[in-house]
PDB file of N, CA and C in Angstrom:
ATOM      1  N   MET A   1     -18.931 -51.736 265.058  1.00  0.00           N
ATOM      2  CA  MET A   1     -20.253 -51.447 264.439  1.00  0.00           C
ATOM      3  C   MET A   1     -20.538 -49.852 264.349  1.00  0.00           C
ATOM      4  N   TYR A   2     -20.117 -48.839 264.737  1.00  0.00           N
ATOM      5  CA  TYR A   2     -20.409 -47.511 264.230  1.00  0.00           C
ATOM      6  C   TYR A   2     -19.796 -47.186 263.073  1.00  0.00           C
ATOM      7  N   ARG A   3     -18.484 -47.606 263.119  1.00  0.00           N
ATOM      8  CA  ARG A   3     -17.988 -47.691 261.688  1.00  0.00           C
ATOM      9  C   ARG A   3     -17.871 -48.540 260.432  1.00  0.00           C
ATOM     10  N   GLY A   4     -18.257 -49.555 260.706  1.00  0.00           N
ATOM     11  CA  GLY A   4     -18.354 -50.646 259.650  1.00  0.00           C
ATOM     12  C   GLY A   4     -19.699 -51.146 259.451  1.00  0.00           C
ATOM     13  N   GLY A   5     -20.644 -50.884 260.044  1.00  0.00           N
ATOM     14  CA  GLY A   5     -21.721 -51.338 259.680  1.00  0.00           C
ATOM     15  C   GLY A   5     -22.797 -50.328 259.159  1.00  0.00           C
ATOM     16  N   LYS A   6     -24.082 -50.651 258.957  1.00  0.00           N
ATOM     17  CA  LYS A   6     -25.309 -49.827 258.306  1.00  0.00           C
ATOM     18  C   LYS A   6     -25.825 -48.869 259.491  1.00  0.00           C
ATOM     19  N   ARG A   7     -26.416 -47.848 258.922  1.00  0.00           N
ATOM     20  CA  ARG A   7     -26.921 -47.055 259.764  1.00  0.00           C
ATOM     21  C   ARG A   7     -28.368 -46.621 259.396  1.00  0.00           C
ATOM     22  N   ARG A   8     -29.223 -46.673 259.886  1.00  0.00           N
ATOM     23  CA  ARG A   8     -30.228 -46.102 259.432  1.00  0.00           C
ATOM     24  C   ARG A   8     -31.003 -45.013 260.520  1.00  0.00           C
ATOM     25  N   ALA A   9     -31.606 -43.801 260.099  1.00  0.00           N
ATOM     26  CA  ALA A   9     -32.067 -42.960 261.177  1.00  0.00           C
ATOM     27  C   ALA A   9     -33.533 -42.597 260.940  1.00  0.00           C
ATOM     28  N   GLY A  10     -33.986 -42.119 261.962  1.00  0.00           N
ATOM     29  CA  GLY A  10     -35.633 -41.839 261.949  1.00  0.00           C
ATOM     30  C   GLY A  10     -35.818 -40.937 262.738  1.00  0.00           C
ATOM     31  N   PRO A  11     -36.875 -40.108 262.767  1.00  0.00           N
ATOM     32  CA  PRO A  11     -37.382 -38.773 264.004  1.00  0.00           C
ATOM     33  C   PRO A  11     -37.269 -39.308 265.239  1.00  0.00           C
ATOM     34  N   HIS A  12     -37.484 -41.119 265.447  1.00  0.00           N
ATOM     35  CA  HIS A  12     -37.357 -41.083 267.052  1.00  0.00           C
ATOM     36  C   HIS A  12     -36.240 -42.297 267.333  1.00  0.00           C
ATOM     37  N   PHE A  13     -35.679 -42.687 266.464  1.00  0.00           N
ATOM     38  CA  PHE A  13     -34.389 -43.335 266.447  1.00  0.00           C
ATOM     39  C   PHE A  13     -33.094 -43.831 265.524  1.00  0.00           C
ATOM     40  N   VAL A  14     -32.191 -43.921 266.199  1.00  0.00           N
ATOM     41  CA  VAL A  14     -31.003 -44.100 265.141  1.00  0.00           C
ATOM     42  C   VAL A  14     -30.800 -45.876 265.541  1.00  0.00           C
ATOM     43  N   VAL A  15     -30.527 -46.213 264.059  1.00  0.00           N
ATOM     44  CA  VAL A  15     -30.399 -48.086 264.451  1.00  0.00           C
ATOM     45  C   VAL A  15     -28.916 -48.277 263.728  1.00  0.00           C
ATOM     46  N   PHE A  16     -27.952 -48.763 264.246  1.00  0.00           N
ATOM     47  CA  PHE A  16     -27.083 -49.487 263.679  1.00  0.00           C
ATOM     48  C   PHE A  16     -26.841 -50.773 263.576  1.00  0.00           C
ATOM     49  N   GLY A  17     -26.293 -51.258 262.360  1.00  0.00           N
ATOM     50  CA  GLY A  17     -26.290 -53.050 262.301  1.00  0.00           C
ATOM     51  C   GLY A  17     -25.124 -53.595 261.732  1.00  0.00           C
ATOM     52  N   LEU A  18     -24.669 -54.345 262.249  1.00  0.00           N
ATOM     53  CA  LEU A  18     -23.244 -55.436 261.323  1.00  0.00           C
ATOM     54  C   LEU A  18     -23.453 -56.585 261.628  1.00  0.00           C
ATOM     55  N   ARG A  19     -23.273 -57.375 260.545  1.00  0.00           N
ATOM     56  CA  ARG A  19     -23.237 -58.924 260.539  1.00  0.00           C
ATOM     57  C   ARG A  19     -22.710 -59.411 261.450  1.00  0.00           C
ATOM     58  N   ASN A  20     -22.798 -60.449 262.291  1.00  0.00           N
ATOM     59  CA  ASN A  20     -22.141 -61.047 263.025  1.00  0.00           C
ATOM     60  C   ASN A  20     -21.662 -62.369 262.607  1.00  0.00           C
ATOM     61  N   GLY A  21     -22.097 -62.981 261.702  1.00  0.00           N
ATOM     62  CA  GLY A  21     -21.860 -64.264 261.238  1.00  0.00           C
ATOM     63  C   GLY A  21     -22.191 -65.561 262.421  1.00  0.00           C
ATOM     64  N   LEU A  22     -23.225 -65.427 263.202  1.00  0.00           N
ATOM     65  CA  LEU A  22     -23.940 -66.040 263.845  1.00  0.00           C
ATOM     66  C   LEU A  22     -25.566 -66.749 263.394  1.00  0.00           C
ATOM     67  N   ASP A  23     -25.905 -67.594 263.997  1.00  0.00           N
ATOM     68  CA  ASP A  23     -27.620 -67.770 263.650  1.00  0.00           C
ATOM     69  C   ASP A  23     -28.743 -66.778 264.326  1.00  0.00           C
ATOM     70  N   VAL A  24     -27.898 -66.030 265.067  1.00  0.00           N
ATOM     71  CA  VAL A  24     -28.723 -65.224 265.982  1.00  0.00           C
ATOM     72  C   VAL A  24     -28.773 -63.967 265.664  1.00  0.00           C
ATOM     73  N   THR A  25     -29.498 -62.911 265.909  1.00  0.00           N
ATOM     74  CA  THR A  25     -29.518 -61.769 265.998  1.00  0.00           C
ATOM     75  C   THR A  25     -29.632 -61.228 267.292  1.00  0.00           C
ATOM     76  N   ARG A  26     -28.460 -60.350 267.677  1.00  0.00           N
ATOM     77  CA  ARG A  26     -28.487 -59.686 268.810  1.00  0.00           C
ATOM     78  C   ARG A  26     -29.124 -58.318 269.282  1.00  0.00           C
ATOM     79  N   PHE A  27     -29.366 -58.053 269.618  1.00  0.00           N
ATOM     80  CA  PHE A  27     -29.848 -56.605 269.915  1.00  0.00           C
ATOM     81  C   PHE A  27     -29.502 -55.928 271.393  1.00  0.00           C
ATOM     82  N   GLY A  28     -29.244 -54.348 271.229  1.00  0.00           N
ATOM     83  CA  GLY A  28     -28.691 -53.588 272.528  1.00  0.00           C
ATOM     84  C   GLY A  28     -29.534 -52.310 272.318  1.00  0.00           C
ATOM     85  N   SER A  29     -29.468 -51.449 273.070  1.00  0.00           N
ATOM     86  CA  SER A  29     -30.171 -50.203 273.347  1.00  0.00           C
ATOM     87  C   SER A  29     -28.667 -49.388 273.796  1.00  0.00           C
ATOM     88  N   SER A  30     -29.144 -48.144 273.492  1.00  0.00           N
ATOM     89  CA  SER A  30     -27.969 -47.192 274.438  1.00  0.00           C
ATOM     90  C   SER A  30     -28.933 -46.043 274.801  1.00  0.00           C
ATOM     91  N   VAL A  31     -29.508 -45.496 275.621  1.00  0.00           N
ATOM     92  CA  VAL A  31     -30.284 -44.640 276.133  1.00  0.00           C
ATOM     93  C   VAL A  31     -29.605 -43.290 276.739  1.00  0.00           C
ATOM     94  N   SER A  32     -29.493 -42.531 276.412  1.00  0.00           N
ATOM     95  CA  SER A  32     -28.638 -41.476 276.828  1.00  0.00           C
ATOM     96  C   SER A  32     -29.295 -40.464 277.961  1.00  0.00           C
ATOM     97  N   ARG A  33     -28.351 -39.954 278.985  1.00  0.00           N
ATOM     98  CA  ARG A  33     -28.987 -39.435 280.104  1.00  0.00           C
ATOM     99  C   ARG A  33     -29.726 -38.059 279.484  1.00  0.00           C
ATOM    100  N   ALA A  34     -29.330 -37.614 278.446  1.00  0.00           N
ATOM    101  CA  ALA A  34     -30.336 -36.594 278.174  1.00  0.00           C
ATOM    102  C   ALA A  34     -31.727 -36.827 277.680  1.00  0.00           C
ATOM    103  N   LEU A  35     -31.932 -38.056 277.814  1.00  0.00           N
ATOM    104  CA  LEU A  35     -33.802 -38.156 277.561  1.00  0.00           C
ATOM    105  C   LEU A  35     -34.306 -38.260 278.914  1.00  0.00           C
ATOM    106  N   GLY A  36     -33.619 -37.837 279.955  1.00  0.00           N
ATOM    107  CA  GLY A  36     -34.506 -37.744 281.107  1.00  0.00           C
ATOM    108  C   GLY A  36     -33.916 -38.615 282.439  1.00  0.00           C
ATOM    109  N   GLY A  37     -34.628 -38.503 283.548  1.00  0.00           N
ATOM    110  CA  GLY A  37     -34.118 -39.232 284.960  1.00  0.00           C
ATOM    111  C   GLY A  37     -34.542 -40.468 284.420  1.00  0.00           C
ATOM    112  N   ALA A  38     -33.873 -41.202 285.576  1.00  0.00           N
ATOM    113  CA  ALA A  38     -33.427 -43.090 285.309  1.00  0.00           C
ATOM    114  C   ALA A  38     -35.128 -43.313 284.971  1.00  0.00           C
ATOM    115  N   ALA A  39     -36.255 -43.156 285.985  1.00  0.00           N
ATOM    116  CA  ALA A  39     -37.579 -43.752 285.293  1.00  0.00           C
ATOM    117  C   ALA A  39     -37.937 -43.440 283.781  1.00  0.00           C
ATOM    118  N   GLU A  40     -37.687 -42.225 283.570  1.00  0.00           N
ATOM    119  CA  GLU A  40     -37.911 -41.807 282.310  1.00  0.00           C
ATOM    120  C   GLU A  40     -36.980 -42.914 281.316  1.00  0.00           C
ATOM    121  N   ARG A  41     -35.827 -42.960 281.491  1.00  0.00           N
ATOM    122  CA  ARG A  41     -34.824 -43.998 280.524  1.00  0.00           C
ATOM    123  C   ARG A  41     -35.366 -45.611 280.607  1.00  0.00           C
ATOM    124  N   ASN A  42     -36.054 -45.742 281.893  1.00  0.00           N
ATOM    125  CA  ASN A  42     -36.026 -47.160 281.855  1.00  0.00           C
ATOM    126  C   ASN A  42     -37.294 -47.548 281.358  1.00  0.00           C
ATOM    127  N   ARG A  43     -38.305 -46.383 281.168  1.00  0.00           N
ATOM    128  CA  ARG A  43     -39.625 -46.944 280.550  1.00  0.00           C
ATOM    129  C   ARG A  43     -39.376 -46.854 279.045  1.00  0.00           C
ATOM    130  N   ILE A  44     -38.270 -46.005 278.481  1.00  0.00           N
ATOM    131  CA  ILE A  44     -38.077 -45.861 277.277  1.00  0.00           C
ATOM    132  C   ILE A  44     -37.503 -47.159 276.918  1.00  0.00           C
ATOM    133  N   ARG A  45     -36.494 -47.776 277.837  1.00  0.00           N
ATOM    134  CA  ARG A  45     -35.720 -48.964 277.516  1.00  0.00           C
ATOM    135  C   ARG A  45     -36.767 -50.322 277.333  1.00  0.00           C
ATOM    136  N   ARG A  46     -37.814 -50.117 278.232  1.00  0.00           N
ATOM    137  CA  ARG A  46     -38.941 -51.224 278.383  1.00  0.00           C
ATOM    138  C   ARG A  46     -39.870 -51.427 276.760  1.00  0.00           C
ATOM    139  N   GLN A  47     -39.753 -49.837 276.512  1.00  0.00           N
ATOM    140  CA  GLN A  47     -40.520 -50.029 275.295  1.00  0.00           C
ATOM    141  C   GLN A  47     -39.610 -50.514 273.907  1.00  0.00           C
ATOM    142  N   VAL A  48     -38.885 -50.062 274.086  1.00  0.00           N
ATOM    143  CA  VAL A  48     -37.978 -50.588 272.893  1.00  0.00           C
ATOM    144  C   VAL A  48     -37.698 -52.250 273.165  1.00  0.00           C
ATOM    145  N   ARG A  49     -37.567 -52.794 274.053  1.00  0.00           N
ATOM    146  CA  ARG A  49     -37.521 -54.007 274.366  1.00  0.00           C
ATOM    147  C   ARG A  49     -38.672 -55.076 273.712  1.00  0.00           C
ATOM    148  N   GLU A  50     -39.934 -54.075 274.139  1.00  0.00           N
ATOM    149  CA  GLU A  50     -41.086 -54.721 273.968  1.00  0.00           C
ATOM    150  C   GLU A  50     -41.262 -54.735 272.342  1.00  0.00           C
ATOM    151  N   ILE A  51     -40.973 -53.510 271.816  1.00  0.00           N
ATOM    152  CA  ILE A  51     -41.142 -53.689 270.309  1.00  0.00           C
ATOM    153  C   ILE A  51     -40.232 -54.629 269.713  1.00  0.00           C
ATOM    154  N   VAL A  52     -39.060 -55.109 269.939  1.00  0.00           N
ATOM    155  CA  VAL A  52     -37.917 -56.039 269.436  1.00  0.00           C
ATOM    156  C   VAL A  52     -38.704 -57.349 269.779  1.00  0.00           C
ATOM    157  N   ARG A  53     -39.317 -57.554 271.002  1.00  0.00           N
ATOM    158  CA  ARG A  53     -39.695 -58.755 271.223  1.00  0.00           C
ATOM    159  C   ARG A  53     -40.940 -59.138 270.464  1.00  0.00           C
ATOM    160  N   LEU A  54     -41.817 -58.010 270.185  1.00  0.00           N
ATOM    161  CA  LEU A  54     -43.201 -58.221 269.399  1.00  0.00           C
ATOM    162  C   LEU A  54     -42.593 -58.772 267.937  1.00  0.00           C
ATOM    163  N   HIS A  55     -41.367 -58.031 267.363  1.00  0.00           N
ATOM    164  CA  HIS A  55     -41.580 -58.084 265.881  1.00  0.00           C
ATOM    165  C   HIS A  55     -40.011 -58.871 265.617  1.00  0.00           C
ATOM    166  N   ARG A  56     -39.640 -59.715 266.389  1.00  0.00           N
ATOM    167  CA  ARG A  56     -38.291 -60.456 266.486  1.00  0.00           C
ATOM    168  C   ARG A  56     -38.080 -61.268 265.180  1.00  0.00           C
ATOM    169  N   ARG A  57     -39.301 -61.983 264.855  1.00  0.00           N
ATOM    170  CA  ARG A  57     -39.268 -62.940 263.936  1.00  0.00           C
ATOM    171  C   ARG A  57     -39.342 -62.347 262.575  1.00  0.00           C
ATOM    172  N   GLY A  58     -39.709 -61.054 262.618  1.00  0.00           N
ATOM    173  CA  GLY A  58     -39.773 -60.717 260.834  1.00  0.00           C
ATOM    174  C   GLY A  58     -38.237 -60.020 260.586  1.00  0.00           C
ATOM    175  N   ILE A  59     -37.459 -60.006 261.620  1.00  0.00           N
ATOM    176  CA  ILE A  59     -36.266 -59.515 261.537  1.00  0.00           C
ATOM    177  C   ILE A  59     -35.006 -60.769 261.146  1.00  0.00           C
ATOM    178  N   GLU A  60     -34.235 -60.330 259.966  1.00  0.00           N
ATOM    179  CA  GLU A  60     -33.263 -61.265 259.242  1.00  0.00           C
ATOM    180  C   GLU A  60     -32.359 -61.979 260.686  1.00  0.00           C
ATOM    181  N   THR A  61     -31.976 -63.030 260.788  1.00  0.00           N
ATOM    182  CA  THR A  61     -30.813 -63.308 261.515  1.00  0.00           C
ATOM    183  C   THR A  61     -29.500 -63.033 261.342  1.00  0.00           C
ATOM    184  N   GLY A  62     -28.446 -63.164 262.081  1.00  0.00           N
ATOM    185  CA  GLY A  62     -26.993 -62.888 261.750  1.00  0.00           C
ATOM    186  C   GLY A  62     -26.733 -61.540 261.829  1.00  0.00           C
ATOM    187  N   TRP A  63     -27.173 -60.707 262.950  1.00  0.00           N
ATOM    188  CA  TRP A  63     -27.162 -59.225 263.016  1.00  0.00           C
ATOM    189  C   TRP A  63     -26.947 -58.885 264.422  1.00  0.00           C
ATOM    190  N   ASP A  64     -26.057 -57.824 264.728  1.00  0.00           N
ATOM    191  CA  ASP A  64     -25.897 -57.139 265.815  1.00  0.00           C
ATOM    192  C   ASP A  64     -26.429 -56.019 265.905  1.00  0.00           C
ATOM    193  N   ILE A  65     -27.222 -55.415 266.422  1.00  0.00           N
ATOM    194  CA  ILE A  65     -27.918 -54.338 266.283  1.00  0.00           C
ATOM    195  C   ILE A  65     -28.119 -53.325 267.677  1.00  0.00           C
ATOM    196  N   VAL A  66     -27.729 -52.003 267.609  1.00  0.00           N
ATOM    197  CA  VAL A  66     -27.934 -51.133 268.902  1.00  0.00           C
ATOM    198  C   VAL A  66     -29.090 -50.126 268.110  1.00  0.00           C
ATOM    199  N   ILE A  67     -29.850 -49.945 268.996  1.00  0.00           N
ATOM    200  CA  ILE A  67     -30.765 -48.935 269.031  1.00  0.00           C
ATOM    201  C   ILE A  67     -30.455 -47.768 269.745  1.00  0.00           C
ATOM    202  N   GLN A  68     -30.501 -46.843 269.387  1.00  0.00           N
ATOM    203  CA  GLN A  68     -30.277 -45.016 270.170  1.00  0.00           C
ATOM    204  C   GLN A  68     -31.815 -44.324 270.026  1.00  0.00           C
ATOM    205  N   PRO A  69     -32.602 -44.419 271.010  1.00  0.00           N
ATOM    206  CA  PRO A  69     -33.488 -43.233 270.756  1.00  0.00           C
ATOM    207  C   PRO A  69     -33.187 -41.923 270.803  1.00  0.00           C
ATOM    208  N   ARG A  70     -34.199 -41.096 270.222  1.00  0.00           N
ATOM    209  CA  ARG A  70     -33.989 -39.646 270.280  1.00  0.00           C
ATOM    210  C   ARG A  70     -34.617 -38.971 271.314  1.00  0.00           C
ATOM    211  N   ARG A  71     -34.578 -38.112 271.451  1.00  0.00           N
ATOM    212  CA  ARG A  71     -35.221 -37.029 272.555  1.00  0.00           C
ATOM    213  C   ARG A  71     -36.744 -37.250 272.096  1.00  0.00           C
ATOM    214  N   THR A  72     -37.117 -37.098 270.976  1.00  0.00           N
ATOM    215  CA  THR A  72     -38.408 -37.437 270.681  1.00  0.00           C
ATOM    216  C   THR A  72     -39.373 -38.565 271.092  1.00  0.00           C
ATOM    217  N   VAL A  73     -38.605 -39.155 271.265  1.00  0.00           N
ATOM    218  CA  VAL A  73     -39.189 -40.826 271.745  1.00  0.00           C
ATOM    219  C   VAL A  73     -40.124 -40.386 273.133  1.00  0.00           C
ATOM    220  N   ALA A  74     -39.435 -39.581 273.879  1.00  0.00           N
ATOM    221  CA  ALA A  74     -40.485 -39.151 275.236  1.00  0.00           C
ATOM    222  C   ALA A  74     -41.950 -38.950 274.882  1.00  0.00           C
ATOM    223  N   GLN A  75     -42.053 -38.218 274.073  1.00  0.00           N
ATOM    224  CA  GLN A  75     -43.731 -37.300 273.718  1.00  0.00           C
ATOM    225  C   GLN A  75     -44.459 -38.014 272.796  1.00  0.00           C
ATOM    226  N   ALA A  76     -43.590 -39.413 272.047  1.00  0.00           N
ATOM    227  CA  ALA A  76     -44.383 -39.843 270.750  1.00  0.00           C
ATOM    228  C   ALA A  76     -45.041 -40.696 271.387  1.00  0.00           C
ATOM    229  N   PRO A  77     -46.330 -41.183 270.360  1.00  0.00           N
ATOM    230  CA  PRO A  77     -47.178 -42.294 271.160  1.00  0.00           C
ATOM    231  C   PRO A  77     -46.652 -43.767 270.761  1.00  0.00           C
ATOM    232  N   TYR A  78     -46.670 -44.748 271.727  1.00  0.00           N
ATOM    233  CA  TYR A  78     -46.132 -46.208 271.375  1.00  0.00           C
ATOM    234  C   TYR A  78     -46.329 -46.512 269.892  1.00  0.00           C
ATOM    235  N   ALA A  79     -47.502 -46.796 269.241  1.00  0.00           N
ATOM    236  CA  ALA A  79     -47.833 -47.169 268.170  1.00  0.00           C
ATOM    237  C   ALA A  79     -46.740 -46.495 267.021  1.00  0.00           C
ATOM    238  N   SER A  80     -46.568 -45.215 267.300  1.00  0.00           N
ATOM    239  CA  SER A  80     -45.646 -44.712 265.954  1.00  0.00           C
ATOM    240  C   SER A  80     -44.035 -45.095 266.052  1.00  0.00           C
ATOM    241  N   LEU A  81     -43.929 -45.240 267.769  1.00  0.00           N
ATOM    242  CA  LEU A  81     -42.327 -45.526 267.900  1.00  0.00           C
ATOM    243  C   LEU A  81     -42.380 -47.084 267.212  1.00  0.00           C
ATOM    244  N   ALA A  82     -43.227 -48.220 267.798  1.00  0.00           N
ATOM    245  CA  ALA A  82     -43.233 -49.319 267.028  1.00  0.00           C
ATOM    246  C   ALA A  82     -43.335 -49.217 265.482  1.00  0.00           C
ATOM    247  N   LYS A  83     -43.871 -48.746 264.746  1.00  0.00           N
ATOM    248  CA  LYS A  83     -44.068 -48.876 263.230  1.00  0.00           C
ATOM    249  C   LYS A  83     -42.419 -48.482 262.750  1.00  0.00           C
ATOM    250  N   GLU A  84     -42.030 -47.129 263.431  1.00  0.00           N
ATOM    251  CA  GLU A  84     -40.566 -46.632 262.873  1.00  0.00           C
ATOM    252  C   GLU A  84     -39.737 -47.333 263.119  1.00  0.00           C
ATOM    253  N   LEU A  85     -39.608 -48.281 264.521  1.00  0.00           N
ATOM    254  CA  LEU A  85     -38.374 -48.941 264.659  1.00  0.00           C
ATOM    255  C   LEU A  85     -38.404 -50.059 264.184  1.00  0.00           C
ATOM    256  N   VAL A  86     -39.713 -50.891 263.701  1.00  0.00           N
ATOM    257  CA  VAL A  86     -39.584 -52.076 262.701  1.00  0.00           C
ATOM    258  C   VAL A  86     -39.014 -51.464 261.334  1.00  0.00           C
ATOM    259  N   GLU A  87     -39.785 -50.789 260.973  1.00  0.00           N
ATOM    260  CA  GLU A  87     -39.480 -50.021 259.778  1.00  0.00           C
ATOM    261  C   GLU A  87     -37.884 -49.988 259.381  1.00  0.00           C
ATOM    262  N   LEU A  88     -37.289 -49.457 260.448  1.00  0.00           N
ATOM    263  CA  LEU A  88     -35.685 -49.227 260.397  1.00  0.00           C
ATOM    264  C   LEU A  88     -35.097 -50.482 260.601  1.00  0.00           C
ATOM    265  N   LEU A  89     -35.221 -51.608 261.605  1.00  0.00           N
ATOM    266  CA  LEU A  89     -34.632 -52.847 261.875  1.00  0.00           C
ATOM    267  C   LEU A  89     -34.552 -53.413 260.254  1.00  0.00           C
ATOM    268  N   ARG A  90     -35.856 -53.442 259.894  1.00  0.00           N
ATOM    269  CA  ARG A  90     -35.825 -53.837 258.637  1.00  0.00           C
ATOM    270  C   ARG A  90     -35.152 -53.559 257.523  1.00  0.00           C
ATOM    271  N   SER A  91     -35.138 -52.354 257.420  1.00  0.00           N
ATOM    272  CA  SER A  91     -34.129 -51.714 256.595  1.00  0.00           C
ATOM    273  C   SER A  91     -32.587 -51.900 256.812  1.00  0.00           C
ATOM    274  N   VAL A  92     -32.099 -52.006 257.687  1.00  0.00           N
ATOM    275  CA  VAL A  92     -30.540 -52.028 258.299  1.00  0.00           C
ATOM    276  C   VAL A  92     -30.073 -53.594 258.120  1.00  0.00           C
ATOM    277  N   THR A  93     -31.175 -54.319 258.222  1.00  0.00           N
ATOM    278  CA  THR A  93     -31.176 -56.164 257.877  1.00  0.00           C
ATOM    279  C   THR A  93     -31.341 -56.361 256.311  1.00  0.00           C
ATOM    280  N   GLY A  94     -32.111 -55.506 256.014  1.00  0.00           N
ATOM    281  CA  GLY A  94     -32.479 -56.025 254.306  1.00  0.00           C
ATOM    282  C   GLY A  94     -33.620 -57.167 254.348  1.00  0.00           C
ATOM    283  N   SER A  95     -34.200 -57.325 255.739  1.00  0.00           N
ATOM    284  CA  SER A  95     -35.345 -57.988 255.786  1.00  0.00           C
ATOM    285  C   SER A  95     -36.522 -57.616 255.011  1.00  0.00           C
ATOM    286  N   PRO A  96     -37.292 -58.545 254.321  1.00  0.00           N
ATOM    287  CA  PRO A  96     -38.843 -58.051 253.437  1.00  0.00           C
ATOM    288  C   PRO A  96     -39.530 -57.382 254.562  1.00  0.00           C
ATOM    289  N   SER A  97     -40.524 -56.599 254.071  1.00  0.00           N
ATOM    290  CA  SER A  97     -41.354 -55.791 254.654  1.00  0.00           C
ATOM    291  C   SER A  97     -42.427 -56.783 254.994  1.00  0.00           C
TER     292      SER A  97
END
């Protein structure tokens, strides 16, 4: 995934994508302990899952995607996180805007 796939980065997220040859796109996230305590990391995970859930239909199928939030996620408003993450997901999969 990390070596052979595509990588896109923004101020709040790094997104890795690799074609999986399936009819579905699978999402995963990796939230580092450096982002805070368990409660803060869980809040970040919930935000990422909700953004993916709301915008999943606009993302091309057939990909494995890993989302890594950066430290700036904790202070950013939800709307800017959603906008950036959707743009990065579309960029890595080649989905139309």
